[in-house]
Amino acid sequence: MTEHWLKKCDLSDEYYFTEGCFIIELSNSSDDPNLSIARARVEPGKTTKWHSLHGITERYVIIEGSGLIEIGDFEPQQVSIGDTVIIPPGVPQRISNTGKCNLIFLALCTPRFKESCYSSLDN
């Protein structure tokens, strides 16, 4: 029996999301509506699509690789292991992998991520 207080990670659960990255949902369920946690992976040389999340604050915690984060009208910033990026609700964002290995980060969303809150801003 799986306990609600322990959610096991299965790397084979990774899927490609239309945003342009690979995702593993580490914790995203209606029994914990205040937070979701996903592991995101962007391949070398790739950039996610411009997008925003309606009503959701998102935080990226970089755990592997390096990249370039673009948020709203702010100047693009380099990110690397240990950096945390805070993205307010509704603000356009994208991230590029500028390194030679995968860019991997945790995406923490409050409240939890729902695909209905995702808006693609690329044509």
PDB file of N, CA and C in Angstrom:
ATOM      1  N   MET A   1       0.852  -1.188   0.000  1.00  0.00           N
ATOM      2  CA  MET A   1       0.000   0.000   0.000  1.00  0.00           C
ATOM      3  C   MET A   1       0.891   1.241   0.000  1.00  0.00           C
ATOM      4  N   THR A   2       0.627   2.164  -0.909  1.00  0.00           N
ATOM      5  CA  THR A   2       1.384   3.407  -0.975  1.00  0.00           C
ATOM      6  C   THR A   2       0.853   4.373   0.088  1.00  0.00           C
ATOM      7  N   GLU A   3       1.764   4.958   0.822  1.00  0.00           N
ATOM      8  CA  GLU A   3       1.391   5.943   1.836  1.00  0.00           C
ATOM      9  C   GLU A   3       1.346   7.326   1.194  1.00  0.00           C
ATOM     10  N   HIS A   4       0.389   8.155   1.604  1.00  0.00           N
ATOM     11  CA  HIS A   4       0.268   9.508   1.051  1.00  0.00           C
ATOM     12  C   HIS A   4       1.441  10.396   1.434  1.00  0.00           C
ATOM     13  N   TRP A   5       2.131  10.085   2.495  1.00  0.00           N
ATOM     14  CA  TRP A   5       3.240  10.922   2.933  1.00  0.00           C
ATOM     15  C   TRP A   5       4.549  10.565   2.245  1.00  0.00           C
ATOM     16  N   LEU A   6       4.548   9.538   1.416  1.00  0.00           N
ATOM     17  CA  LEU A   6       5.750   9.151   0.677  1.00  0.00           C
ATOM     18  C   LEU A   6       5.392   8.930  -0.778  1.00  0.00           C
ATOM     19  N   LYS A   7       6.018   9.697  -1.648  1.00  0.00           N
ATOM     20  CA  LYS A   7       5.799   9.550  -3.086  1.00  0.00           C
ATOM     21  C   LYS A   7       7.133   9.161  -3.708  1.00  0.00           C
ATOM     22  N   LYS A   8       7.200   7.968  -4.232  1.00  0.00           N
ATOM     23  CA  LYS A   8       8.431   7.455  -4.834  1.00  0.00           C
ATOM     24  C   LYS A   8       8.623   8.013  -6.241  1.00  0.00           C
ATOM     25  N   CYS A   9       9.853   8.340  -6.574  1.00  0.00           N
ATOM     26  CA  CYS A   9      10.194   8.825  -7.910  1.00  0.00           C
ATOM     27  C   CYS A   9      10.515   7.631  -8.805  1.00  0.00           C
ATOM     28  N   ASP A  10       9.935   7.636  -9.979  1.00  0.00           N
ATOM     29  CA  ASP A  10      10.210   6.616 -10.981  1.00  0.00           C
ATOM     30  C   ASP A  10      10.656   7.339 -12.248  1.00  0.00           C
ATOM     31  N   LEU A  11      11.934   7.260 -12.573  1.00  0.00           N
ATOM     32  CA  LEU A  11      12.473   7.981 -13.726  1.00  0.00           C
ATOM     33  C   LEU A  11      11.816   7.572 -15.043  1.00  0.00           C
ATOM     34  N   SER A  12      11.212   6.390 -15.083  1.00  0.00           N
ATOM     35  CA  SER A  12      10.542   5.957 -16.304  1.00  0.00           C
ATOM     36  C   SER A  12       9.208   6.683 -16.512  1.00  0.00           C
ATOM     37  N   ASP A  13       8.776   7.481 -15.532  1.00  0.00           N
ATOM     38  CA  ASP A  13       7.548   8.267 -15.665  1.00  0.00           C
ATOM     39  C   ASP A  13       7.772   9.562 -16.448  1.00  0.00           C
ATOM     40  N   GLU A  14       9.008   9.816 -16.865  1.00  0.00           N
ATOM     41  CA  GLU A  14       9.306  11.050 -17.587  1.00  0.00           C
ATOM     42  C   GLU A  14       8.520  11.108 -18.903  1.00  0.00           C
ATOM     43  N   TYR A  15       7.966  12.283 -19.198  1.00  0.00           N
ATOM     44  CA  TYR A  15       7.246  12.486 -20.452  1.00  0.00           C
ATOM     45  C   TYR A  15       7.641  13.837 -21.053  1.00  0.00           C
ATOM     46  N   TYR A  16       7.435  13.959 -22.357  1.00  0.00           N
ATOM     47  CA  TYR A  16       7.736  15.204 -23.051  1.00  0.00           C
ATOM     48  C   TYR A  16       6.519  16.110 -22.956  1.00  0.00           C
ATOM     49  N   PHE A  17       6.734  17.341 -22.480  1.00  0.00           N
ATOM     50  CA  PHE A  17       5.658  18.317 -22.380  1.00  0.00           C
ATOM     51  C   PHE A  17       5.774  19.304 -23.527  1.00  0.00           C
ATOM     52  N   THR A  18       4.670  19.714 -24.072  1.00  0.00           N
ATOM     53  CA  THR A  18       4.615  20.599 -25.234  1.00  0.00           C
ATOM     54  C   THR A  18       5.434  21.879 -25.077  1.00  0.00           C
ATOM     55  N   GLU A  19       5.732  22.263 -23.855  1.00  0.00           N
ATOM     56  CA  GLU A  19       6.546  23.445 -23.571  1.00  0.00           C
ATOM     57  C   GLU A  19       7.955  23.320 -24.151  1.00  0.00           C
ATOM     58  N   GLY A  20       8.419  22.071 -24.328  1.00  0.00           N
ATOM     59  CA  GLY A  20       9.741  21.849 -24.898  1.00  0.00           C
ATOM     60  C   GLY A  20      10.739  21.262 -23.921  1.00  0.00           C
ATOM     61  N   CYS A  21      10.232  20.546 -22.923  1.00  0.00           N
ATOM     62  CA  CYS A  21      11.121  19.904 -21.958  1.00  0.00           C
ATOM     63  C   CYS A  21      10.502  18.588 -21.503  1.00  0.00           C
ATOM     64  N   PHE A  22      11.293  17.810 -20.795  1.00  0.00           N
ATOM     65  CA  PHE A  22      10.834  16.535 -20.261  1.00  0.00           C
ATOM     66  C   PHE A  22      10.494  16.722 -18.786  1.00  0.00           C
ATOM     67  N   ILE A  23       9.409  16.100 -18.342  1.00  0.00           N
ATOM     68  CA  ILE A  23       8.883  16.301 -16.992  1.00  0.00           C
ATOM     69  C   ILE A  23       8.674  14.971 -16.286  1.00  0.00           C
ATOM     70  N   ILE A  24       8.991  14.956 -14.993  1.00  0.00           N
ATOM     71  CA  ILE A  24       8.551  13.894 -14.089  1.00  0.00           C
ATOM     72  C   ILE A  24       7.786  14.589 -12.971  1.00  0.00           C
ATOM     73  N   GLU A  25       6.520  14.258 -12.815  1.00  0.00           N
ATOM     74  CA  GLU A  25       5.712  14.814 -11.727  1.00  0.00           C
ATOM     75  C   GLU A  25       6.103  14.101 -10.432  1.00  0.00           C
ATOM     76  N   LEU A  26       6.829  14.788  -9.564  1.00  0.00           N
ATOM     77  CA  LEU A  26       7.249  14.190  -8.297  1.00  0.00           C
ATOM     78  C   LEU A  26       6.129  14.226  -7.270  1.00  0.00           C
ATOM     79  N   SER A  27       5.348  15.301  -7.302  1.00  0.00           N
ATOM     80  CA  SER A  27       4.201  15.433  -6.409  1.00  0.00           C
ATOM     81  C   SER A  27       3.245  16.446  -7.015  1.00  0.00           C
ATOM     82  N   ASN A  28       2.093  15.964  -7.448  1.00  0.00           N
ATOM     83  CA  ASN A  28       1.078  16.847  -8.023  1.00  0.00           C
ATOM     84  C   ASN A  28      -0.265  16.136  -7.948  1.00  0.00           C
ATOM     85  N   SER A  29      -0.985  16.379  -6.863  1.00  0.00           N
ATOM     86  CA  SER A  29      -2.267  15.702  -6.684  1.00  0.00           C
ATOM     87  C   SER A  29      -3.241  16.572  -5.901  1.00  0.00           C
ATOM     88  N   SER A  30      -4.489  16.269  -6.058  1.00  0.00           N
ATOM     89  CA  SER A  30      -5.534  17.051  -5.403  1.00  0.00           C
ATOM     90  C   SER A  30      -5.514  16.881  -3.886  1.00  0.00           C
ATOM     91  N   ASP A  31      -4.860  15.831  -3.382  1.00  0.00           N
ATOM     92  CA  ASP A  31      -4.780  15.676  -1.924  1.00  0.00           C
ATOM     93  C   ASP A  31      -3.708  16.573  -1.308  1.00  0.00           C
ATOM     94  N   ASP A  32      -2.936  17.280  -2.150  1.00  0.00           N
ATOM     95  CA  ASP A  32      -1.944  18.255  -1.689  1.00  0.00           C
ATOM     96  C   ASP A  32      -2.018  19.460  -2.634  1.00  0.00           C
ATOM     97  N   PRO A  33      -3.118  20.232  -2.587  1.00  0.00           N
ATOM     98  CA  PRO A  33      -3.381  21.249  -3.595  1.00  0.00           C
ATOM     99  C   PRO A  33      -2.520  22.506  -3.515  1.00  0.00           C
ATOM    100  N   ASN A  34      -1.795  22.687  -2.434  1.00  0.00           N
ATOM    101  CA  ASN A  34      -1.041  23.926  -2.242  1.00  0.00           C
ATOM    102  C   ASN A  34       0.320  23.955  -2.917  1.00  0.00           C
ATOM    103  N   LEU A  35       0.800  22.796  -3.383  1.00  0.00           N
ATOM    104  CA  LEU A  35       2.147  22.726  -3.954  1.00  0.00           C
ATOM    105  C   LEU A  35       2.253  21.556  -4.911  1.00  0.00           C
ATOM    106  N   SER A  36       2.956  21.769  -6.014  1.00  0.00           N
ATOM    107  CA  SER A  36       3.376  20.651  -6.860  1.00  0.00           C
ATOM    108  C   SER A  36       4.876  20.767  -7.074  1.00  0.00           C
ATOM    109  N   ILE A  37       5.491  19.609  -7.286  1.00  0.00           N
ATOM    110  CA  ILE A  37       6.931  19.545  -7.531  1.00  0.00           C
ATOM    111  C   ILE A  37       7.142  18.670  -8.758  1.00  0.00           C
ATOM    112  N   ALA A  38       7.866  19.206  -9.732  1.00  0.00           N
ATOM    113  CA  ALA A  38       8.201  18.449 -10.930  1.00  0.00           C
ATOM    114  C   ALA A  38       9.700  18.550 -11.166  1.00  0.00           C
ATOM    115  N   ARG A  39      10.238  17.508 -11.770  1.00  0.00           N
ATOM    116  CA  ARG A  39      11.632  17.526 -12.226  1.00  0.00           C
ATOM    117  C   ARG A  39      11.571  17.801 -13.718  1.00  0.00           C
ATOM    118  N   ALA A  40      12.207  18.897 -14.139  1.00  0.00           N
ATOM    119  CA  ALA A  40      12.216  19.273 -15.554  1.00  0.00           C
ATOM    120  C   ALA A  40      13.615  19.060 -16.125  1.00  0.00           C
ATOM    121  N   ARG A  41      13.652  18.620 -17.392  1.00  0.00           N
ATOM    122  CA  ARG A  41      14.938  18.384 -18.067  1.00  0.00           C
ATOM    123  C   ARG A  41      14.881  19.018 -19.456  1.00  0.00           C
ATOM    124  N   VAL A  42      15.854  19.913 -19.703  1.00  0.00           N
ATOM    125  CA  VAL A  42      15.980  20.566 -21.004  1.00  0.00           C
ATOM    126  C   VAL A  42      17.279  20.072 -21.625  1.00  0.00           C
ATOM    127  N   GLU A  43      17.186  19.565 -22.832  1.00  0.00           N
ATOM    128  CA  GLU A  43      18.365  19.021 -23.504  1.00  0.00           C
ATOM    129  C   GLU A  43      19.315  20.135 -23.947  1.00  0.00           C
ATOM    130  N   PRO A  44      20.606  19.817 -24.118  1.00  0.00           N
ATOM    131  CA  PRO A  44      21.587  20.817 -24.555  1.00  0.00           C
ATOM    132  C   PRO A  44      21.157  21.507 -25.848  1.00  0.00           C
ATOM    133  N   GLY A  45      21.300  22.836 -25.866  1.00  0.00           N
ATOM    134  CA  GLY A  45      20.971  23.618 -27.055  1.00  0.00           C
ATOM    135  C   GLY A  45      19.487  23.906 -27.242  1.00  0.00           C
ATOM    136  N   LYS A  46      18.635  23.418 -26.362  1.00  0.00           N
ATOM    137  CA  LYS A  46      17.182  23.611 -26.496  1.00  0.00           C
ATOM    138  C   LYS A  46      16.694  24.754 -25.613  1.00  0.00           C
ATOM    139  N   THR A  47      15.585  25.350 -26.024  1.00  0.00           N
ATOM    140  CA  THR A  47      14.927  26.423 -25.284  1.00  0.00           C
ATOM    141  C   THR A  47      13.455  26.079 -25.169  1.00  0.00           C
ATOM    142  N   THR A  48      12.889  26.256 -23.983  1.00  0.00           N
ATOM    143  CA  THR A  48      11.459  26.029 -23.830  1.00  0.00           C
ATOM    144  C   THR A  48      10.691  27.159 -24.514  1.00  0.00           C
ATOM    145  N   LYS A  49       9.420  26.921 -24.758  1.00  0.00           N
ATOM    146  CA  LYS A  49       8.571  27.929 -25.389  1.00  0.00           C
ATOM    147  C   LYS A  49       8.258  29.039 -24.390  1.00  0.00           C
ATOM    148  N   TRP A  50       8.050  30.247 -24.919  1.00  0.00           N
ATOM    149  CA  TRP A  50       7.538  31.324 -24.085  1.00  0.00           C
ATOM    150  C   TRP A  50       6.189  30.875 -23.561  1.00  0.00           C
ATOM    151  N   HIS A  51       5.977  31.015 -22.248  1.00  0.00           N
ATOM    152  CA  HIS A  51       4.714  30.612 -21.641  1.00  0.00           C
ATOM    153  C   HIS A  51       4.506  31.365 -20.339  1.00  0.00           C
ATOM    154  N   SER A  52       3.303  31.263 -19.808  1.00  0.00           N
ATOM    155  CA  SER A  52       3.016  31.808 -18.486  1.00  0.00           C
ATOM    156  C   SER A  52       2.062  30.859 -17.779  1.00  0.00           C
ATOM    157  N   LEU A  53       2.006  31.000 -16.465  1.00  0.00           N
ATOM    158  CA  LEU A  53       1.107  30.189 -15.646  1.00  0.00           C
ATOM    159  C   LEU A  53       0.125  31.125 -14.945  1.00  0.00           C
ATOM    160  N   HIS A  54      -1.142  30.984 -15.256  1.00  0.00           N
ATOM    161  CA  HIS A  54      -2.184  31.820 -14.661  1.00  0.00           C
ATOM    162  C   HIS A  54      -2.446  31.387 -13.218  1.00  0.00           C
ATOM    163  N   GLY A  55      -2.264  32.319 -12.281  1.00  0.00           N
ATOM    164  CA  GLY A  55      -2.589  32.057 -10.885  1.00  0.00           C
ATOM    165  C   GLY A  55      -1.604  31.183 -10.133  1.00  0.00           C
ATOM    166  N   ILE A  56      -0.434  30.930 -10.707  1.00  0.00           N
ATOM    167  CA  ILE A  56       0.556  30.045 -10.087  1.00  0.00           C
ATOM    168  C   ILE A  56       1.906  30.752 -10.009  1.00  0.00           C
ATOM    169  N   THR A  57       2.503  30.762  -8.818  1.00  0.00           N
ATOM    170  CA  THR A  57       3.892  31.192  -8.675  1.00  0.00           C
ATOM    171  C   THR A  57       4.762  29.957  -8.861  1.00  0.00           C
ATOM    172  N   GLU A  58       5.789  30.090  -9.689  1.00  0.00           N
ATOM    173  CA  GLU A  58       6.676  28.956  -9.973  1.00  0.00           C
ATOM    174  C   GLU A  58       8.083  29.298  -9.528  1.00  0.00           C
ATOM    175  N   ARG A  59       8.758  28.309  -8.991  1.00  0.00           N
ATOM    176  CA  ARG A  59      10.156  28.453  -8.603  1.00  0.00           C
ATOM    177  C   ARG A  59      10.960  27.352  -9.273  1.00  0.00           C
ATOM    178  N   TYR A  60      12.077  27.733  -9.885  1.00  0.00           N
ATOM    179  CA  TYR A  60      13.012  26.761 -10.448  1.00  0.00           C
ATOM    180  C   TYR A  60      14.195  26.667  -9.499  1.00  0.00           C
ATOM    181  N   VAL A  61      14.563  25.460  -9.144  1.00  0.00           N
ATOM    182  CA  VAL A  61      15.778  25.214  -8.372  1.00  0.00           C
ATOM    183  C   VAL A  61      16.683  24.377  -9.276  1.00  0.00           C
ATOM    184  N   ILE A  62      17.774  24.981  -9.716  1.00  0.00           N
ATOM    185  CA  ILE A  62      18.674  24.325 -10.672  1.00  0.00           C
ATOM    186  C   ILE A  62      19.500  23.268  -9.936  1.00  0.00           C
ATOM    187  N   ILE A  63      19.424  22.024 -10.408  1.00  0.00           N
ATOM    188  CA  ILE A  63      20.161  20.941  -9.743  1.00  0.00           C
ATOM    189  C   ILE A  63      21.239  20.311 -10.623  1.00  0.00           C
ATOM    190  N   GLU A  64      21.213  20.645 -11.923  1.00  0.00           N
ATOM    191  CA  GLU A  64      22.256  20.122 -12.821  1.00  0.00           C
ATOM    192  C   GLU A  64      22.316  20.991 -14.070  1.00  0.00           C
ATOM    193  N   GLY A  65      23.528  21.271 -14.549  1.00  0.00           N
ATOM    194  CA  GLY A  65      23.698  22.004 -15.786  1.00  0.00           C
ATOM    195  C   GLY A  65      23.681  23.511 -15.604  1.00  0.00           C
ATOM    196  N   SER A  66      23.549  24.198 -16.743  1.00  0.00           N
ATOM    197  CA  SER A  66      23.512  25.663 -16.732  1.00  0.00           C
ATOM    198  C   SER A  66      22.605  26.136 -17.855  1.00  0.00           C
ATOM    199  N   GLY A  67      22.137  27.373 -17.706  1.00  0.00           N
ATOM    200  CA  GLY A  67      21.222  27.884 -18.705  1.00  0.00           C
ATOM    201  C   GLY A  67      21.054  29.377 -18.632  1.00  0.00           C
ATOM    202  N   LEU A  68      20.087  29.850 -19.404  1.00  0.00           N
ATOM    203  CA  LEU A  68      19.746  31.261 -19.474  1.00  0.00           C
ATOM    204  C   LEU A  68      18.245  31.372 -19.232  1.00  0.00           C
ATOM    205  N   ILE A  69      17.871  32.107 -18.176  1.00  0.00           N
ATOM    206  CA  ILE A  69      16.457  32.278 -17.849  1.00  0.00           C
ATOM    207  C   ILE A  69      15.990  33.633 -18.353  1.00  0.00           C
ATOM    208  N   GLU A  70      14.810  33.665 -18.952  1.00  0.00           N
ATOM    209  CA  GLU A  70      14.197  34.900 -19.408  1.00  0.00           C
ATOM    210  C   GLU A  70      12.829  35.001 -18.746  1.00  0.00           C
ATOM    211  N   ILE A  71      12.607  36.115 -18.024  1.00  0.00           N
ATOM    212  CA  ILE A  71      11.359  36.328 -17.301  1.00  0.00           C
ATOM    213  C   ILE A  71      10.860  37.731 -17.600  1.00  0.00           C
ATOM    214  N   GLY A  72       9.697  37.825 -18.196  1.00  0.00           N
ATOM    215  CA  GLY A  72       9.088  39.120 -18.472  1.00  0.00           C
ATOM    216  C   GLY A  72      10.037  40.072 -19.154  1.00  0.00           C
ATOM    217  N   ASP A  73      10.114  41.309 -18.631  1.00  0.00           N
ATOM    218  CA  ASP A  73      10.957  42.351 -19.206  1.00  0.00           C
ATOM    219  C   ASP A  73      12.345  42.418 -18.584  1.00  0.00           C
ATOM    220  N   PHE A  74      12.651  41.487 -17.675  1.00  0.00           N
ATOM    221  CA  PHE A  74      13.972  41.494 -17.038  1.00  0.00           C
ATOM    222  C   PHE A  74      15.043  41.047 -18.018  1.00  0.00           C
ATOM    223  N   GLU A  75      16.261  41.516 -17.805  1.00  0.00           N
ATOM    224  CA  GLU A  75      17.395  41.068 -18.608  1.00  0.00           C
ATOM    225  C   GLU A  75      17.589  39.566 -18.408  1.00  0.00           C
ATOM    226  N   PRO A  76      17.887  38.820 -19.471  1.00  0.00           N
ATOM    227  CA  PRO A  76      18.172  37.386 -19.314  1.00  0.00           C
ATOM    228  C   PRO A  76      19.320  37.184 -18.327  1.00  0.00           C
ATOM    229  N   GLN A  77      19.241  36.132 -17.540  1.00  0.00           N
ATOM    230  CA  GLN A  77      20.245  35.849 -16.513  1.00  0.00           C
ATOM    231  C   GLN A  77      20.754  34.416 -16.656  1.00  0.00           C
ATOM    232  N   GLN A  78      22.052  34.248 -16.459  1.00  0.00           N
ATOM    233  CA  GLN A  78      22.641  32.917 -16.417  1.00  0.00           C
ATOM    234  C   GLN A  78      22.234  32.233 -15.117  1.00  0.00           C
ATOM    235  N   VAL A  79      21.948  30.944 -15.192  1.00  0.00           N
ATOM    236  CA  VAL A  79      21.640  30.151 -14.002  1.00  0.00           C
ATOM    237  C   VAL A  79      22.488  28.894 -14.012  1.00  0.00           C
ATOM    238  N   SER A  80      22.809  28.426 -12.802  1.00  0.00           N
ATOM    239  CA  SER A  80      23.589  27.199 -12.671  1.00  0.00           C
ATOM    240  C   SER A  80      23.219  26.516 -11.353  1.00  0.00           C
ATOM    241  N   ILE A  81      23.855  25.423 -11.078  1.00  0.00           N
ATOM    242  CA  ILE A  81      23.537  24.579  -9.923  1.00  0.00           C
ATOM    243  C   ILE A  81      23.418  25.414  -8.648  1.00  0.00           C
ATOM    244  N   GLY A  82      22.292  25.206  -7.948  1.00  0.00           N
ATOM    245  CA  GLY A  82      22.046  25.878  -6.689  1.00  0.00           C
ATOM    246  C   GLY A  82      21.232  27.156  -6.794  1.00  0.00           C
ATOM    247  N   ASP A  83      21.099  27.700  -8.000  1.00  0.00           N
ATOM    248  CA  ASP A  83      20.321  28.929  -8.175  1.00  0.00           C
ATOM    249  C   ASP A  83      18.831  28.639  -8.057  1.00  0.00           C
ATOM    250  N   THR A  84      18.092  29.626  -7.529  1.00  0.00           N
ATOM    251  CA  THR A  84      16.635  29.558  -7.447  1.00  0.00           C
ATOM    252  C   THR A  84      16.066  30.746  -8.195  1.00  0.00           C
ATOM    253  N   VAL A  85      15.098  30.480  -9.051  1.00  0.00           N
ATOM    254  CA  VAL A  85      14.429  31.509  -9.848  1.00  0.00           C
ATOM    255  C   VAL A  85      12.973  31.565  -9.394  1.00  0.00           C
ATOM    256  N   ILE A  86      12.452  32.756  -9.141  1.00  0.00           N
ATOM    257  CA  ILE A  86      11.061  32.916  -8.716  1.00  0.00           C
ATOM    258  C   ILE A  86      10.298  33.623  -9.837  1.00  0.00           C
ATOM    259  N   ILE A  87       9.236  32.987 -10.300  1.00  0.00           N
ATOM    260  CA  ILE A  87       8.461  33.501 -11.427  1.00  0.00           C
ATOM    261  C   ILE A  87       7.034  33.776 -10.956  1.00  0.00           C
ATOM    262  N   PRO A  88       6.641  35.059 -10.904  1.00  0.00           N
ATOM    263  CA  PRO A  88       5.290  35.405 -10.449  1.00  0.00           C
ATOM    264  C   PRO A  88       4.212  34.899 -11.409  1.00  0.00           C
ATOM    265  N   PRO A  89       2.982  34.772 -10.931  1.00  0.00           N
ATOM    266  CA  PRO A  89       1.873  34.334 -11.786  1.00  0.00           C
ATOM    267  C   PRO A  89       1.690  35.258 -12.994  1.00  0.00           C
ATOM    268  N   GLY A  90       1.434  34.643 -14.144  1.00  0.00           N
ATOM    269  CA  GLY A  90       1.108  35.392 -15.351  1.00  0.00           C
ATOM    270  C   GLY A  90       2.263  36.043 -16.077  1.00  0.00           C
ATOM    271  N   VAL A  91       3.487  35.911 -15.562  1.00  0.00           N
ATOM    272  CA  VAL A  91       4.643  36.556 -16.184  1.00  0.00           C
ATOM    273  C   VAL A  91       5.259  35.621 -17.231  1.00  0.00           C
ATOM    274  N   PRO A  92       5.485  36.109 -18.458  1.00  0.00           N
ATOM    275  CA  PRO A  92       6.104  35.284 -19.496  1.00  0.00           C
ATOM    276  C   PRO A  92       7.480  34.786 -19.078  1.00  0.00           C
ATOM    277  N   GLN A  93       7.784  33.551 -19.488  1.00  0.00           N
ATOM    278  CA  GLN A  93       9.052  32.936 -19.104  1.00  0.00           C
ATOM    279  C   GLN A  93       9.485  31.891 -20.123  1.00  0.00           C
ATOM    280  N   ARG A  94      10.792  31.665 -20.157  1.00  0.00           N
ATOM    281  CA  ARG A  94      11.360  30.531 -20.877  1.00  0.00           C
ATOM    282  C   ARG A  94      12.770  30.332 -20.365  1.00  0.00           C
ATOM    283  N   ILE A  95      13.307  29.133 -20.604  1.00  0.00           N
ATOM    284  CA  ILE A  95      14.661  28.838 -20.163  1.00  0.00           C
ATOM    285  C   ILE A  95      15.382  28.084 -21.272  1.00  0.00           C
ATOM    286  N   SER A  96      16.662  28.404 -21.447  1.00  0.00           N
ATOM    287  CA  SER A  96      17.501  27.777 -22.460  1.00  0.00           C
ATOM    288  C   SER A  96      18.621  27.000 -21.778  1.00  0.00           C
ATOM    289  N   ASN A  97      18.946  25.861 -22.345  1.00  0.00           N
ATOM    290  CA  ASN A  97      20.102  25.102 -21.883  1.00  0.00           C
ATOM    291  C   ASN A  97      21.309  25.571 -22.689  1.00  0.00           C
ATOM    292  N   THR A  98      22.248  26.235 -22.021  1.00  0.00           N
ATOM    293  CA  THR A  98      23.436  26.758 -22.693  1.00  0.00           C
ATOM    294  C   THR A  98      24.658  25.874 -22.492  1.00  0.00           C
ATOM    295  N   GLY A  99      24.476  24.750 -21.816  1.00  0.00           N
ATOM    296  CA  GLY A  99      25.595  23.871 -21.511  1.00  0.00           C
ATOM    297  C   GLY A  99      25.673  22.679 -22.446  1.00  0.00           C
ATOM    298  N   LYS A 100      26.579  21.772 -22.115  1.00  0.00           N
ATOM    299  CA  LYS A 100      26.811  20.576 -22.919  1.00  0.00           C
ATOM    300  C   LYS A 100      26.108  19.338 -22.354  1.00  0.00           C
ATOM    301  N   CYS A 101      25.546  19.456 -21.155  1.00  0.00           N
ATOM    302  CA  CYS A 101      24.797  18.349 -20.557  1.00  0.00           C
ATOM    303  C   CYS A 101      23.369  18.821 -20.301  1.00  0.00           C
ATOM    304  N   ASN A 102      22.532  17.918 -19.851  1.00  0.00           N
ATOM    305  CA  ASN A 102      21.148  18.281 -19.559  1.00  0.00           C
ATOM    306  C   ASN A 102      21.077  19.386 -18.506  1.00  0.00           C
ATOM    307  N   LEU A 103      20.116  20.279 -18.667  1.00  0.00           N
ATOM    308  CA  LEU A 103      19.762  21.254 -17.646  1.00  0.00           C
ATOM    309  C   LEU A 103      18.593  20.637 -16.887  1.00  0.00           C
ATOM    310  N   ILE A 104      18.785  20.393 -15.598  1.00  0.00           N
ATOM    311  CA  ILE A 104      17.751  19.757 -14.783  1.00  0.00           C
ATOM    312  C   ILE A 104      17.436  20.676 -13.613  1.00  0.00           C
ATOM    313  N   PHE A 105      16.136  20.877 -13.399  1.00  0.00           N
ATOM    314  CA  PHE A 105      15.716  21.717 -12.282  1.00  0.00           C
ATOM    315  C   PHE A 105      14.413  21.200 -11.711  1.00  0.00           C
ATOM    316  N   LEU A 106      14.186  21.556 -10.454  1.00  0.00           N
ATOM    317  CA  LEU A 106      12.905  21.289  -9.835  1.00  0.00           C
ATOM    318  C   LEU A 106      12.014  22.487 -10.091  1.00  0.00           C
ATOM    319  N   ALA A 107      10.776  22.237 -10.448  1.00  0.00           N
ATOM    320  CA  ALA A 107       9.783  23.292 -10.633  1.00  0.00           C
ATOM    321  C   ALA A 107       8.760  23.131  -9.513  1.00  0.00           C
ATOM    322  N   LEU A 108       8.765  24.105  -8.604  1.00  0.00           N
ATOM    323  CA  LEU A 108       7.845  24.088  -7.469  1.00  0.00           C
ATOM    324  C   LEU A 108       6.765  25.124  -7.732  1.00  0.00           C
ATOM    325  N   CYS A 109       5.517  24.692  -7.759  1.00  0.00           N
ATOM    326  CA  CYS A 109       4.403  25.573  -8.085  1.00  0.00           C
ATOM    327  C   CYS A 109       3.449  25.698  -6.906  1.00  0.00           C
ATOM    328  N   THR A 110       3.045  26.957  -6.618  1.00  0.00           N
ATOM    329  CA  THR A 110       2.043  27.210  -5.593  1.00  0.00           C
ATOM    330  C   THR A 110       0.983  28.141  -6.165  1.00  0.00           C
ATOM    331  N   PRO A 111      -0.294  27.764  -6.103  1.00  0.00           N
ATOM    332  CA  PRO A 111      -0.736  26.412  -5.786  1.00  0.00           C
ATOM    333  C   PRO A 111      -0.254  25.432  -6.841  1.00  0.00           C
ATOM    334  N   ARG A 112      -0.660  24.189  -6.732  1.00  0.00           N
ATOM    335  CA  ARG A 112      -0.128  23.138  -7.605  1.00  0.00           C
ATOM    336  C   ARG A 112      -0.408  23.412  -9.081  1.00  0.00           C
ATOM    337  N   PHE A 113       0.473  22.906  -9.935  1.00  0.00           N
ATOM    338  CA  PHE A 113       0.348  23.066 -11.379  1.00  0.00           C
ATOM    339  C   PHE A 113      -0.855  22.288 -11.897  1.00  0.00           C
ATOM    340  N   LYS A 114      -1.629  22.960 -12.739  1.00  0.00           N
ATOM    341  CA  LYS A 114      -2.694  22.325 -13.509  1.00  0.00           C
ATOM    342  C   LYS A 114      -2.498  22.761 -14.945  1.00  0.00           C
ATOM    343  N   GLU A 115      -2.606  21.832 -15.880  1.00  0.00           N
ATOM    344  CA  GLU A 115      -2.365  22.151 -17.270  1.00  0.00           C
ATOM    345  C   GLU A 115      -3.295  23.255 -17.780  1.00  0.00           C
ATOM    346  N   SER A 116      -4.480  23.376 -17.188  1.00  0.00           N
ATOM    347  CA  SER A 116      -5.423  24.423 -17.594  1.00  0.00           C
ATOM    348  C   SER A 116      -4.910  25.826 -17.273  1.00  0.00           C
ATOM    349  N   CYS A 117      -3.917  25.942 -16.404  1.00  0.00           N
ATOM    350  CA  CYS A 117      -3.331  27.239 -16.045  1.00  0.00           C
ATOM    351  C   CYS A 117      -2.168  27.623 -16.956  1.00  0.00           C
ATOM    352  N   TYR A 118      -1.745  26.699 -17.813  1.00  0.00           N
ATOM    353  CA  TYR A 118      -0.611  26.913 -18.721  1.00  0.00           C
ATOM    354  C   TYR A 118      -1.069  27.639 -19.977  1.00  0.00           C
ATOM    355  N   SER A 119      -0.356  28.710 -20.343  1.00  0.00           N
ATOM    356  CA  SER A 119      -0.636  29.424 -21.591  1.00  0.00           C
ATOM    357  C   SER A 119       0.634  29.512 -22.420  1.00  0.00           C
ATOM    358  N   SER A 120       0.590  28.948 -23.608  1.00  0.00           N
ATOM    359  CA  SER A 120       1.705  29.077 -24.555  1.00  0.00           C
ATOM    360  C   SER A 120       1.633  30.454 -25.183  1.00  0.00           C
ATOM    361  N   LEU A 121       2.779  31.140 -25.232  1.00  0.00           N
ATOM    362  CA  LEU A 121       2.832  32.491 -25.796  1.00  0.00           C
ATOM    363  C   LEU A 121       3.551  32.506 -27.139  1.00  0.00           C
ATOM    364  N   ASP A 122       4.020  31.333 -27.589  1.00  0.00           N
ATOM    365  CA  ASP A 122       4.651  31.215 -28.899  1.00  0.00           C
ATOM    366  C   ASP A 122       3.562  30.990 -29.942  1.00  0.00           C
ATOM    367  N   ASN A 123       3.775  31.507 -31.126  1.00  0.00           N
ATOM    368  CA  ASN A 123       2.798  31.291 -32.204  1.00  0.00           C
ATOM    369  C   ASN A 123       3.038  29.986 -32.886  1.00  0.00           C
TER     370      ASN A 123
END
